Amino acid sequence: MDTSQKLIDYGFRQVNRTQECRLLQLEIAKAGDRFSTALHWYSDQPKKVYITMAKLSGAVTISESAVLENHNDLHTGVLENWKAFKESFPDIESAG
């Protein structure tokens, strides 16, 4: 089974497709988290995932360390879901 199918089975959904690339997305924020946060995976970079946080100032890509260190109980769902994702996909790294 290829990576994109494994991600879809995990809960990702396809949000865009071109002839060259597929974009899959998974919302990882939970109710009560301060900002909406999603993982974005591009088929042309199969070993990377982007953590995108939608802040009032706009969407920003954050690093794994930002998720692990700076949650301040304001995005606990993101922290929990990121850890679960990394357990399921240890070979995919944060691109941020």
C-alpha atoms as a PDB file:
ATOM      1  CA  MET A   1       0.000   0.000   0.000  1.00  0.00           C
ATOM      2  CA  ASP A   2       1.412   3.403  -0.925  1.00  0.00           C
ATOM      3  CA  THR A   3       1.808   6.290   1.533  1.00  0.00           C
ATOM      4  CA  SER A   4      -1.131   8.295   0.194  1.00  0.00           C
ATOM      5  CA  GLN A   5      -3.526   5.387   0.736  1.00  0.00           C
ATOM      6  CA  LYS A   6      -2.173   4.806   4.252  1.00  0.00           C
ATOM      7  CA  LEU A   7      -2.744   8.497   5.030  1.00  0.00           C
ATOM      8  CA  ILE A   8      -6.284   8.377   3.628  1.00  0.00           C
ATOM      9  CA  ASP A   9      -6.991   5.301   5.755  1.00  0.00           C
ATOM     10  CA  TYR A  10      -5.643   7.262   8.756  1.00  0.00           C
ATOM     11  CA  GLY A  11      -8.138  10.088   8.119  1.00  0.00           C
ATOM     12  CA  PHE A  12      -6.517  12.454   5.637  1.00  0.00           C
ATOM     13  CA  ARG A  13      -8.699  13.736   2.797  1.00  0.00           C
ATOM     14  CA  GLN A  14      -7.673  14.875  -0.650  1.00  0.00           C
ATOM     15  CA  VAL A  15      -8.039  18.643  -1.030  1.00  0.00           C
ATOM     16  CA  ASN A  16      -6.267  19.162  -4.348  1.00  0.00           C
ATOM     17  CA  ARG A  17      -4.842  17.161  -7.215  1.00  0.00           C
ATOM     18  CA  THR A  18      -2.858  18.160 -10.270  1.00  0.00           C
ATOM     19  CA  GLN A  19      -1.229  15.976 -12.882  1.00  0.00           C
ATOM     20  CA  GLU A  20       1.996  16.060 -10.877  1.00  0.00           C
ATOM     21  CA  CYS A  21       0.872  16.089  -7.260  1.00  0.00           C
ATOM     22  CA  ARG A  22      -1.799  15.187  -4.705  1.00  0.00           C
ATOM     23  CA  LEU A  23      -2.429  17.286  -1.607  1.00  0.00           C
ATOM     24  CA  LEU A  24      -3.892  15.534   1.426  1.00  0.00           C
ATOM     25  CA  GLN A  25      -5.030  17.266   4.623  1.00  0.00           C
ATOM     26  CA  LEU A  26      -5.883  16.206   8.167  1.00  0.00           C
ATOM     27  CA  GLU A  27      -7.333  18.586  10.752  1.00  0.00           C
ATOM     28  CA  ILE A  28      -5.553  17.931  14.052  1.00  0.00           C
ATOM     29  CA  ALA A  29      -7.006  20.659  16.266  1.00  0.00           C
ATOM     30  CA  LYS A  30      -9.756  19.680  18.681  1.00  0.00           C
ATOM     31  CA  ALA A  31     -12.652  21.735  20.010  1.00  0.00           C
ATOM     32  CA  GLY A  32     -11.231  24.226  22.495  1.00  0.00           C
ATOM     33  CA  ASP A  33      -7.858  24.619  20.766  1.00  0.00           C
ATOM     34  CA  ARG A  34      -6.969  28.250  20.166  1.00  0.00           C
ATOM     35  CA  PHE A  35      -6.125  27.939  16.462  1.00  0.00           C
ATOM     36  CA  SER A  36      -7.212  25.666  13.654  1.00  0.00           C
ATOM     37  CA  THR A  37      -4.303  23.407  12.748  1.00  0.00           C
ATOM     38  CA  ALA A  38      -3.909  20.864   9.963  1.00  0.00           C
ATOM     39  CA  LEU A  39      -1.317  18.530   8.513  1.00  0.00           C
ATOM     40  CA  HIS A  40      -0.667  18.871   4.781  1.00  0.00           C
ATOM     41  CA  TRP A  41       1.065  16.135   2.782  1.00  0.00           C
ATOM     42  CA  TYR A  42       2.178  16.526  -0.832  1.00  0.00           C
ATOM     43  CA  SER A  43       2.766  13.418  -2.940  1.00  0.00           C
ATOM     44  CA  ASP A  44       5.901  14.918  -4.487  1.00  0.00           C
ATOM     45  CA  GLN A  45       7.451  15.106  -0.970  1.00  0.00           C
ATOM     46  CA  PRO A  46       6.277  11.798   0.542  1.00  0.00           C
ATOM     47  CA  LYS A  47       8.560  11.892   3.595  1.00  0.00           C
ATOM     48  CA  LYS A  48       7.441  15.357   4.771  1.00  0.00           C
ATOM     49  CA  VAL A  49       4.311  16.815   6.286  1.00  0.00           C
ATOM     50  CA  TYR A  50       3.558  20.489   6.848  1.00  0.00           C
ATOM     51  CA  ILE A  51       1.930  21.596  10.110  1.00  0.00           C
ATOM     52  CA  THR A  52      -0.202  24.598   9.198  1.00  0.00           C
ATOM     53  CA  MET A  53      -1.743  26.787  11.889  1.00  0.00           C
ATOM     54  CA  ALA A  54      -4.410  29.346  10.979  1.00  0.00           C
ATOM     55  CA  LYS A  55      -3.809  32.383  13.199  1.00  0.00           C
ATOM     56  CA  LEU A  56      -5.571  35.741  13.113  1.00  0.00           C
ATOM     57  CA  SER A  57      -2.612  37.106  11.148  1.00  0.00           C
ATOM     58  CA  GLY A  58      -2.892  34.309   8.558  1.00  0.00           C
ATOM     59  CA  ALA A  59      -1.775  30.731   8.017  1.00  0.00           C
ATOM     60  CA  VAL A  60       1.747  29.815   9.084  1.00  0.00           C
ATOM     61  CA  THR A  61       3.754  26.609   8.879  1.00  0.00           C
ATOM     62  CA  ILE A  62       5.090  25.632  12.273  1.00  0.00           C
ATOM     63  CA  SER A  63       7.740  23.131  13.282  1.00  0.00           C
ATOM     64  CA  GLU A  64       7.412  19.953  15.278  1.00  0.00           C
ATOM     65  CA  SER A  65       9.332  21.629  18.101  1.00  0.00           C
ATOM     66  CA  ALA A  66       6.762  24.458  18.172  1.00  0.00           C
ATOM     67  CA  VAL A  67       4.013  21.884  18.650  1.00  0.00           C
ATOM     68  CA  LEU A  68       5.926  20.015  21.357  1.00  0.00           C
ATOM     69  CA  GLU A  69       7.288  23.005  23.285  1.00  0.00           C
ATOM     70  CA  ASN A  70       4.889  25.917  22.921  1.00  0.00           C
ATOM     71  CA  HIS A  71       1.436  24.507  23.414  1.00  0.00           C
ATOM     72  CA  ASN A  72       0.671  26.265  26.767  1.00  0.00           C
ATOM     73  CA  ASP A  73      -2.535  24.207  26.963  1.00  0.00           C
ATOM     74  CA  LEU A  74      -3.898  26.361  24.102  1.00  0.00           C
ATOM     75  CA  HIS A  75      -3.650  23.598  21.519  1.00  0.00           C
ATOM     76  CA  THR A  76      -3.600  20.374  23.512  1.00  0.00           C
ATOM     77  CA  GLY A  77      -5.519  18.563  20.757  1.00  0.00           C
ATOM     78  CA  VAL A  78      -2.810  19.453  18.257  1.00  0.00           C
ATOM     79  CA  LEU A  79      -0.141  18.083  20.593  1.00  0.00           C
ATOM     80  CA  GLU A  80      -2.034  14.836  21.196  1.00  0.00           C
ATOM     81  CA  ASN A  81      -2.861  14.326  17.518  1.00  0.00           C
ATOM     82  CA  TRP A  82       0.690  15.124  16.393  1.00  0.00           C
ATOM     83  CA  LYS A  83       2.112  12.530  18.787  1.00  0.00           C
ATOM     84  CA  ALA A  84      -0.396   9.935  17.535  1.00  0.00           C
ATOM     85  CA  PHE A  85       0.498  10.758  13.916  1.00  0.00           C
ATOM     86  CA  LYS A  86       4.230  10.366  14.621  1.00  0.00           C
ATOM     87  CA  GLU A  87       3.628   6.979  16.256  1.00  0.00           C
ATOM     88  CA  SER A  88       1.730   5.816  13.171  1.00  0.00           C
ATOM     89  CA  PHE A  89       4.108   7.403  10.623  1.00  0.00           C
ATOM     90  CA  PRO A  90       7.583   7.626  12.174  1.00  0.00           C
ATOM     91  CA  ASP A  91       9.237   7.922   8.750  1.00  0.00           C
ATOM     92  CA  ILE A  92       7.373  11.158   7.854  1.00  0.00           C
ATOM     93  CA  GLU A  93       9.057  14.287   9.246  1.00  0.00           C
ATOM     94  CA  SER A  94       7.790  17.801   9.869  1.00  0.00           C
ATOM     95  CA  ALA A  95       8.806  20.125   7.045  1.00  0.00           C
ATOM     96  CA  GLY A  96       8.665  23.210   9.272  1.00  0.00           C
END
